[in-house]
Amino acid sequence: MESLIQSVGVQVKCLSPYSPNLFSIELCWSKIKVILGSEAAQTSNVLDEAITKALNAINDESALNCFHRCGLFLQPNR
């Protein structure tokens, strides 16, 4: 299967079973957790606002940056 993938010019990158530095979702979750922690919500309304703020912080540019930090270089659709 690997040779078939490589035949079309794609480089196969084998990852360890779990390496948070190589999974872009971990970088996104990290950013979300930092924002939630800084808000220190004490009520459900404040928590709801903090979650909204944290999720809105993951825009197209920050998501692409997370992929780039993991070694995955994608081009945004424009």
PDB file of N, CA and C in Angstrom:
ATOM      1  N   MET A   1       0.820  -1.186   0.000  1.00  0.00           N
ATOM      2  CA  MET A   1       0.000   0.000   0.000  1.00  0.00           C
ATOM      3  C   MET A   1       0.870   1.258   0.000  1.00  0.00           C
ATOM      4  N   GLU A   2       1.967   1.234   0.783  1.00  0.00           N
ATOM      5  CA  GLU A   2       2.852   2.392   0.877  1.00  0.00           C
ATOM      6  C   GLU A   2       3.464   2.731  -0.477  1.00  0.00           C
ATOM      7  N   SER A   3       3.862   1.714  -1.240  1.00  0.00           N
ATOM      8  CA  SER A   3       4.467   1.979  -2.552  1.00  0.00           C
ATOM      9  C   SER A   3       3.446   2.586  -3.511  1.00  0.00           C
ATOM     10  N   LEU A   4       2.195   2.190  -3.406  1.00  0.00           N
ATOM     11  CA  LEU A   4       1.133   2.766  -4.235  1.00  0.00           C
ATOM     12  C   LEU A   4       0.951   4.250  -3.917  1.00  0.00           C
ATOM     13  N   ILE A   5       0.969   4.575  -2.650  1.00  0.00           N
ATOM     14  CA  ILE A   5       0.833   5.970  -2.221  1.00  0.00           C
ATOM     15  C   ILE A   5       2.022   6.785  -2.720  1.00  0.00           C
ATOM     16  N   GLN A   6       3.217   6.247  -2.572  1.00  0.00           N
ATOM     17  CA  GLN A   6       4.424   6.952  -2.998  1.00  0.00           C
ATOM     18  C   GLN A   6       4.488   7.105  -4.513  1.00  0.00           C
ATOM     19  N   SER A   7       3.856   6.216  -5.255  1.00  0.00           N
ATOM     20  CA  SER A   7       3.897   6.276  -6.724  1.00  0.00           C
ATOM     21  C   SER A   7       3.207   7.516  -7.284  1.00  0.00           C
ATOM     22  N   VAL A   8       2.353   8.144  -6.493  1.00  0.00           N
ATOM     23  CA  VAL A   8       1.681   9.371  -6.949  1.00  0.00           C
ATOM     24  C   VAL A   8       2.342  10.612  -6.368  1.00  0.00           C
ATOM     25  N   GLY A   9       3.534  10.436  -5.782  1.00  0.00           N
ATOM     26  CA  GLY A   9       4.304  11.581  -5.321  1.00  0.00           C
ATOM     27  C   GLY A   9       4.027  12.034  -3.904  1.00  0.00           C
ATOM     28  N   VAL A  10       3.377  11.201  -3.128  1.00  0.00           N
ATOM     29  CA  VAL A  10       3.066  11.541  -1.745  1.00  0.00           C
ATOM     30  C   VAL A  10       4.074  10.877  -0.826  1.00  0.00           C
ATOM     31  N   GLN A  11       4.587  11.633   0.127  1.00  0.00           N
ATOM     32  CA  GLN A  11       5.537  11.083   1.093  1.00  0.00           C
ATOM     33  C   GLN A  11       4.769  10.495   2.271  1.00  0.00           C
ATOM     34  N   VAL A  12       5.052   9.265   2.604  1.00  0.00           N
ATOM     35  CA  VAL A  12       4.405   8.597   3.738  1.00  0.00           C
ATOM     36  C   VAL A  12       5.189   8.939   4.991  1.00  0.00           C
ATOM     37  N   LYS A  13       4.478   9.364   6.017  1.00  0.00           N
ATOM     38  CA  LYS A  13       5.106   9.723   7.283  1.00  0.00           C
ATOM     39  C   LYS A  13       4.521   8.829   8.370  1.00  0.00           C
ATOM     40  N   CYS A  14       5.321   7.942   8.916  1.00  0.00           N
ATOM     41  CA  CYS A  14       4.858   7.049   9.978  1.00  0.00           C
ATOM     42  C   CYS A  14       4.983   7.762  11.322  1.00  0.00           C
ATOM     43  N   LEU A  15       3.908   7.765  12.053  1.00  0.00           N
ATOM     44  CA  LEU A  15       3.880   8.419  13.351  1.00  0.00           C
ATOM     45  C   LEU A  15       3.920   7.377  14.465  1.00  0.00           C
ATOM     46  N   SER A  16       4.386   7.802  15.611  1.00  0.00           N
ATOM     47  CA  SER A  16       4.352   6.926  16.770  1.00  0.00           C
ATOM     48  C   SER A  16       2.890   6.729  17.175  1.00  0.00           C
ATOM     49  N   PRO A  17       2.603   5.699  17.991  1.00  0.00           N
ATOM     50  CA  PRO A  17       1.211   5.454  18.377  1.00  0.00           C
ATOM     51  C   PRO A  17       0.524   6.689  18.967  1.00  0.00           C
ATOM     52  N   TYR A  18       1.235   7.472  19.742  1.00  0.00           N
ATOM     53  CA  TYR A  18       0.654   8.705  20.262  1.00  0.00           C
ATOM     54  C   TYR A  18       1.758   9.707  20.514  1.00  0.00           C
ATOM     55  N   SER A  19       1.670  10.801  19.844  1.00  0.00           N
ATOM     56  CA  SER A  19       2.634  11.872  20.016  1.00  0.00           C
ATOM     57  C   SER A  19       1.879  13.192  19.894  1.00  0.00           C
ATOM     58  N   PRO A  20       1.510  13.813  21.016  1.00  0.00           N
ATOM     59  CA  PRO A  20       0.669  15.010  20.965  1.00  0.00           C
ATOM     60  C   PRO A  20       1.267  16.143  20.150  1.00  0.00           C
ATOM     61  N   ASN A  21       2.581  16.204  20.019  1.00  0.00           N
ATOM     62  CA  ASN A  21       3.194  17.274  19.236  1.00  0.00           C
ATOM     63  C   ASN A  21       3.005  17.078  17.741  1.00  0.00           C
ATOM     64  N   LEU A  22       2.551  15.903  17.330  1.00  0.00           N
ATOM     65  CA  LEU A  22       2.352  15.641  15.907  1.00  0.00           C
ATOM     66  C   LEU A  22       0.879  15.606  15.508  1.00  0.00           C
ATOM     67  N   PHE A  23      -0.008  15.879  16.441  1.00  0.00           N
ATOM     68  CA  PHE A  23      -1.432  15.871  16.142  1.00  0.00           C
ATOM     69  C   PHE A  23      -1.982  17.280  16.320  1.00  0.00           C
ATOM     70  N   SER A  24      -2.438  17.852  15.208  1.00  0.00           N
ATOM     71  CA  SER A  24      -2.880  19.245  15.220  1.00  0.00           C
ATOM     72  C   SER A  24      -4.039  19.485  16.192  1.00  0.00           C
ATOM     73  N   ILE A  25      -4.892  18.504  16.395  1.00  0.00           N
ATOM     74  CA  ILE A  25      -6.025  18.706  17.300  1.00  0.00           C
ATOM     75  C   ILE A  25      -5.548  18.972  18.723  1.00  0.00           C
ATOM     76  N   GLU A  26      -4.414  18.367  19.105  1.00  0.00           N
ATOM     77  CA  GLU A  26      -3.877  18.593  20.451  1.00  0.00           C
ATOM     78  C   GLU A  26      -3.463  20.047  20.634  1.00  0.00           C
ATOM     79  N   LEU A  27      -2.903  20.656  19.585  1.00  0.00           N
ATOM     80  CA  LEU A  27      -2.515  22.062  19.673  1.00  0.00           C
ATOM     81  C   LEU A  27      -3.743  22.957  19.768  1.00  0.00           C
ATOM     82  N   CYS A  28      -4.797  22.596  19.050  1.00  0.00           N
ATOM     83  CA  CYS A  28      -6.046  23.366  19.130  1.00  0.00           C
ATOM     84  C   CYS A  28      -6.662  23.247  20.523  1.00  0.00           C
ATOM     85  N   TRP A  29      -6.705  22.014  21.061  1.00  0.00           N
ATOM     86  CA  TRP A  29      -7.260  21.822  22.412  1.00  0.00           C
ATOM     87  C   TRP A  29      -6.443  22.592  23.440  1.00  0.00           C
ATOM     88  N   SER A  30      -5.141  22.613  23.253  1.00  0.00           N
ATOM     89  CA  SER A  30      -4.278  23.340  24.182  1.00  0.00           C
ATOM     90  C   SER A  30      -4.639  24.821  24.204  1.00  0.00           C
ATOM     91  N   LYS A  31      -4.838  25.398  23.027  1.00  0.00           N
ATOM     92  CA  LYS A  31      -5.216  26.811  22.927  1.00  0.00           C
ATOM     93  C   LYS A  31      -6.569  27.056  23.603  1.00  0.00           C
ATOM     94  N   ILE A  32      -7.513  26.149  23.372  1.00  0.00           N
ATOM     95  CA  ILE A  32      -8.844  26.273  23.979  1.00  0.00           C
ATOM     96  C   ILE A  32      -8.742  26.193  25.501  1.00  0.00           C
ATOM     97  N   LYS A  33      -7.940  25.252  26.016  1.00  0.00           N
ATOM     98  CA  LYS A  33      -7.803  25.095  27.471  1.00  0.00           C
ATOM     99  C   LYS A  33      -7.155  26.317  28.118  1.00  0.00           C
ATOM    100  N   VAL A  34      -6.196  26.930  27.445  1.00  0.00           N
ATOM    101  CA  VAL A  34      -5.561  28.134  27.987  1.00  0.00           C
ATOM    102  C   VAL A  34      -6.585  29.256  28.111  1.00  0.00           C
ATOM    103  N   ILE A  35      -7.393  29.439  27.083  1.00  0.00           N
ATOM    104  CA  ILE A  35      -8.405  30.498  27.111  1.00  0.00           C
ATOM    105  C   ILE A  35      -9.436  30.216  28.198  1.00  0.00           C
ATOM    106  N   LEU A  36      -9.905  28.975  28.290  1.00  0.00           N
ATOM    107  CA  LEU A  36     -10.898  28.630  29.318  1.00  0.00           C
ATOM    108  C   LEU A  36     -10.327  28.830  30.721  1.00  0.00           C
ATOM    109  N   GLY A  37      -9.065  28.457  30.908  1.00  0.00           N
ATOM    110  CA  GLY A  37      -8.435  28.626  32.215  1.00  0.00           C
ATOM    111  C   GLY A  37      -8.284  30.084  32.603  1.00  0.00           C
ATOM    112  N   SER A  38      -8.029  30.931  31.616  1.00  0.00           N
ATOM    113  CA  SER A  38      -7.839  32.354  31.915  1.00  0.00           C
ATOM    114  C   SER A  38      -9.155  33.055  32.248  1.00  0.00           C
ATOM    115  N   GLU A  39     -10.258  32.484  31.824  1.00  0.00           N
ATOM    116  CA  GLU A  39     -11.563  33.093  32.083  1.00  0.00           C
ATOM    117  C   GLU A  39     -12.059  32.819  33.504  1.00  0.00           C
ATOM    118  N   ALA A  40     -11.649  31.717  34.103  1.00  0.00           N
ATOM    119  CA  ALA A  40     -12.040  31.344  35.471  1.00  0.00           C
ATOM    120  C   ALA A  40     -13.538  31.518  35.706  1.00  0.00           C
ATOM    121  N   ALA A  41     -14.329  30.877  34.855  1.00  0.00           N
ATOM    122  CA  ALA A  41     -15.789  31.011  34.924  1.00  0.00           C
ATOM    123  C   ALA A  41     -16.343  30.454  36.235  1.00  0.00           C
ATOM    124  N   GLN A  42     -17.213  31.224  36.858  1.00  0.00           N
ATOM    125  CA  GLN A  42     -17.841  30.824  38.118  1.00  0.00           C
ATOM    126  C   GLN A  42     -19.327  30.501  37.957  1.00  0.00           C
ATOM    127  N   THR A  43     -19.915  30.877  36.829  1.00  0.00           N
ATOM    128  CA  THR A  43     -21.333  30.596  36.576  1.00  0.00           C
ATOM    129  C   THR A  43     -21.463  29.941  35.206  1.00  0.00           C
ATOM    130  N   SER A  44     -22.602  29.311  34.973  1.00  0.00           N
ATOM    131  CA  SER A  44     -22.814  28.641  33.683  1.00  0.00           C
ATOM    132  C   SER A  44     -22.858  29.651  32.535  1.00  0.00           C
ATOM    133  N   ASN A  45     -23.379  30.848  32.788  1.00  0.00           N
ATOM    134  CA  ASN A  45     -23.426  31.864  31.737  1.00  0.00           C
ATOM    135  C   ASN A  45     -22.014  32.316  31.352  1.00  0.00           C
ATOM    136  N   VAL A  46     -21.171  32.535  32.340  1.00  0.00           N
ATOM    137  CA  VAL A  46     -19.798  32.952  32.072  1.00  0.00           C
ATOM    138  C   VAL A  46     -19.031  31.815  31.386  1.00  0.00           C
ATOM    139  N   LEU A  47     -19.298  30.580  31.822  1.00  0.00           N
ATOM    140  CA  LEU A  47     -18.661  29.430  31.192  1.00  0.00           C
ATOM    141  C   LEU A  47     -19.069  29.327  29.728  1.00  0.00           C
ATOM    142  N   ASP A  48     -20.357  29.524  29.442  1.00  0.00           N
ATOM    143  CA  ASP A  48     -20.850  29.484  28.073  1.00  0.00           C
ATOM    144  C   ASP A  48     -20.152  30.544  27.216  1.00  0.00           C
ATOM    145  N   GLU A  49     -19.997  31.740  27.755  1.00  0.00           N
ATOM    146  CA  GLU A  49     -19.301  32.815  27.033  1.00  0.00           C
ATOM    147  C   GLU A  49     -17.828  32.461  26.813  1.00  0.00           C
ATOM    148  N   ALA A  50     -17.197  31.853  27.818  1.00  0.00           N
ATOM    149  CA  ALA A  50     -15.787  31.478  27.715  1.00  0.00           C
ATOM    150  C   ALA A  50     -15.593  30.393  26.659  1.00  0.00           C
ATOM    151  N   ILE A  51     -16.492  29.418  26.623  1.00  0.00           N
ATOM    152  CA  ILE A  51     -16.411  28.357  25.614  1.00  0.00           C
ATOM    153  C   ILE A  51     -16.567  28.941  24.219  1.00  0.00           C
ATOM    154  N   THR A  52     -17.519  29.839  24.060  1.00  0.00           N
ATOM    155  CA  THR A  52     -17.724  30.495  22.765  1.00  0.00           C
ATOM    156  C   THR A  52     -16.476  31.258  22.350  1.00  0.00           C
ATOM    157  N   LYS A  53     -15.895  32.006  23.282  1.00  0.00           N
ATOM    158  CA  LYS A  53     -14.681  32.760  22.997  1.00  0.00           C
ATOM    159  C   LYS A  53     -13.542  31.824  22.600  1.00  0.00           C
ATOM    160  N   ALA A  54     -13.383  30.729  23.334  1.00  0.00           N
ATOM    161  CA  ALA A  54     -12.292  29.793  23.072  1.00  0.00           C
ATOM    162  C   ALA A  54     -12.451  29.117  21.710  1.00  0.00           C
ATOM    163  N   LEU A  55     -13.656  28.675  21.386  1.00  0.00           N
ATOM    164  CA  LEU A  55     -13.876  28.013  20.104  1.00  0.00           C
ATOM    165  C   LEU A  55     -13.739  28.984  18.935  1.00  0.00           C
ATOM    166  N   ASN A  56     -14.161  30.221  19.133  1.00  0.00           N
ATOM    167  CA  ASN A  56     -14.015  31.223  18.074  1.00  0.00           C
ATOM    168  C   ASN A  56     -12.552  31.594  17.837  1.00  0.00           C
ATOM    169  N   ALA A  57     -11.697  31.320  18.807  1.00  0.00           N
ATOM    170  CA  ALA A  57     -10.269  31.613  18.651  1.00  0.00           C
ATOM    171  C   ALA A  57      -9.607  30.673  17.648  1.00  0.00           C
ATOM    172  N   ILE A  58     -10.248  29.530  17.389  1.00  0.00           N
ATOM    173  CA  ILE A  58      -9.711  28.584  16.403  1.00  0.00           C
ATOM    174  C   ILE A  58     -10.306  28.942  15.042  1.00  0.00           C
ATOM    175  N   ASN A  59      -9.704  29.927  14.403  1.00  0.00           N
ATOM    176  CA  ASN A  59     -10.147  30.335  13.070  1.00  0.00           C
ATOM    177  C   ASN A  59      -9.308  29.616  12.022  1.00  0.00           C
ATOM    178  N   ASP A  60      -9.541  29.935  10.755  1.00  0.00           N
ATOM    179  CA  ASP A  60      -8.809  29.263   9.668  1.00  0.00           C
ATOM    180  C   ASP A  60      -7.297  29.408   9.823  1.00  0.00           C
ATOM    181  N   GLU A  61      -6.854  30.620  10.135  1.00  0.00           N
ATOM    182  CA  GLU A  61      -5.413  30.871  10.235  1.00  0.00           C
ATOM    183  C   GLU A  61      -4.785  30.100  11.387  1.00  0.00           C
ATOM    184  N   SER A  62      -5.428  30.102  12.552  1.00  0.00           N
ATOM    185  CA  SER A  62      -4.846  29.387  13.686  1.00  0.00           C
ATOM    186  C   SER A  62      -4.877  27.874  13.460  1.00  0.00           C
ATOM    187  N   ALA A  63      -5.906  27.376  12.782  1.00  0.00           N
ATOM    188  CA  ALA A  63      -5.965  25.940  12.475  1.00  0.00           C
ATOM    189  C   ALA A  63      -4.828  25.556  11.530  1.00  0.00           C
ATOM    190  N   LEU A  64      -4.588  26.375  10.496  1.00  0.00           N
ATOM    191  CA  LEU A  64      -3.481  26.098   9.580  1.00  0.00           C
ATOM    192  C   LEU A  64      -2.145  26.144  10.303  1.00  0.00           C
ATOM    193  N   ASN A  65      -1.995  27.082  11.251  1.00  0.00           N
ATOM    194  CA  ASN A  65      -0.762  27.157  12.032  1.00  0.00           C
ATOM    195  C   ASN A  65      -0.544  25.883  12.845  1.00  0.00           C
ATOM    196  N   CYS A  66      -1.621  25.337  13.395  1.00  0.00           N
ATOM    197  CA  CYS A  66      -1.516  24.078  14.146  1.00  0.00           C
ATOM    198  C   CYS A  66      -1.036  22.954  13.233  1.00  0.00           C
ATOM    199  N   PHE A  67      -1.588  22.877  12.015  1.00  0.00           N
ATOM    200  CA  PHE A  67      -1.147  21.861  11.058  1.00  0.00           C
ATOM    201  C   PHE A  67       0.324  22.062  10.701  1.00  0.00           C
ATOM    202  N   HIS A  68       0.719  23.320  10.454  1.00  0.00           N
ATOM    203  CA  HIS A  68       2.103  23.601  10.077  1.00  0.00           C
ATOM    204  C   HIS A  68       3.068  23.201  11.185  1.00  0.00           C
ATOM    205  N   ARG A  69       2.718  23.471  12.437  1.00  0.00           N
ATOM    206  CA  ARG A  69       3.593  23.106  13.558  1.00  0.00           C
ATOM    207  C   ARG A  69       3.759  21.592  13.663  1.00  0.00           C
ATOM    208  N   CYS A  70       2.800  20.844  13.117  1.00  0.00           N
ATOM    209  CA  CYS A  70       2.877  19.384  13.136  1.00  0.00           C
ATOM    210  C   CYS A  70       3.548  18.838  11.883  1.00  0.00           C
ATOM    211  N   GLY A  71       4.004  19.734  11.013  1.00  0.00           N
ATOM    212  CA  GLY A  71       4.680  19.286   9.805  1.00  0.00           C
ATOM    213  C   GLY A  71       3.763  19.003   8.635  1.00  0.00           C
ATOM    214  N   LEU A  72       2.495  19.402   8.740  1.00  0.00           N
ATOM    215  CA  LEU A  72       1.537  19.208   7.655  1.00  0.00           C
ATOM    216  C   LEU A  72       1.276  20.555   7.005  1.00  0.00           C
ATOM    217  N   PHE A  73       1.657  20.693   5.771  1.00  0.00           N
ATOM    218  CA  PHE A  73       1.551  21.987   5.094  1.00  0.00           C
ATOM    219  C   PHE A  73       0.411  21.946   4.101  1.00  0.00           C
ATOM    220  N   LEU A  74      -0.666  22.606   4.452  1.00  0.00           N
ATOM    221  CA  LEU A  74      -1.878  22.643   3.635  1.00  0.00           C
ATOM    222  C   LEU A  74      -2.065  24.041   3.087  1.00  0.00           C
ATOM    223  N   GLN A  75      -2.678  24.135   1.948  1.00  0.00           N
ATOM    224  CA  GLN A  75      -2.987  25.428   1.356  1.00  0.00           C
ATOM    225  C   GLN A  75      -4.463  25.734   1.604  1.00  0.00           C
ATOM    226  N   PRO A  76      -4.782  26.910   2.112  1.00  0.00           N
ATOM    227  CA  PRO A  76      -6.193  27.251   2.334  1.00  0.00           C
ATOM    228  C   PRO A  76      -6.906  27.458   1.011  1.00  0.00           C
ATOM    229  N   ASN A  77      -8.198  27.111   0.989  1.00  0.00           N
ATOM    230  CA  ASN A  77      -9.022  27.374  -0.201  1.00  0.00           C
ATOM    231  C   ASN A  77      -9.398  28.841  -0.200  1.00  0.00           C
ATOM    232  N   ARG A  78      -9.105  29.504  -1.241  1.00  0.00           N
ATOM    233  CA  ARG A  78      -9.431  30.943  -1.338  1.00  0.00           C
ATOM    234  C   ARG A  78     -10.309  31.166  -2.530  1.00  0.00           C
TER     235      ARG A  78
END
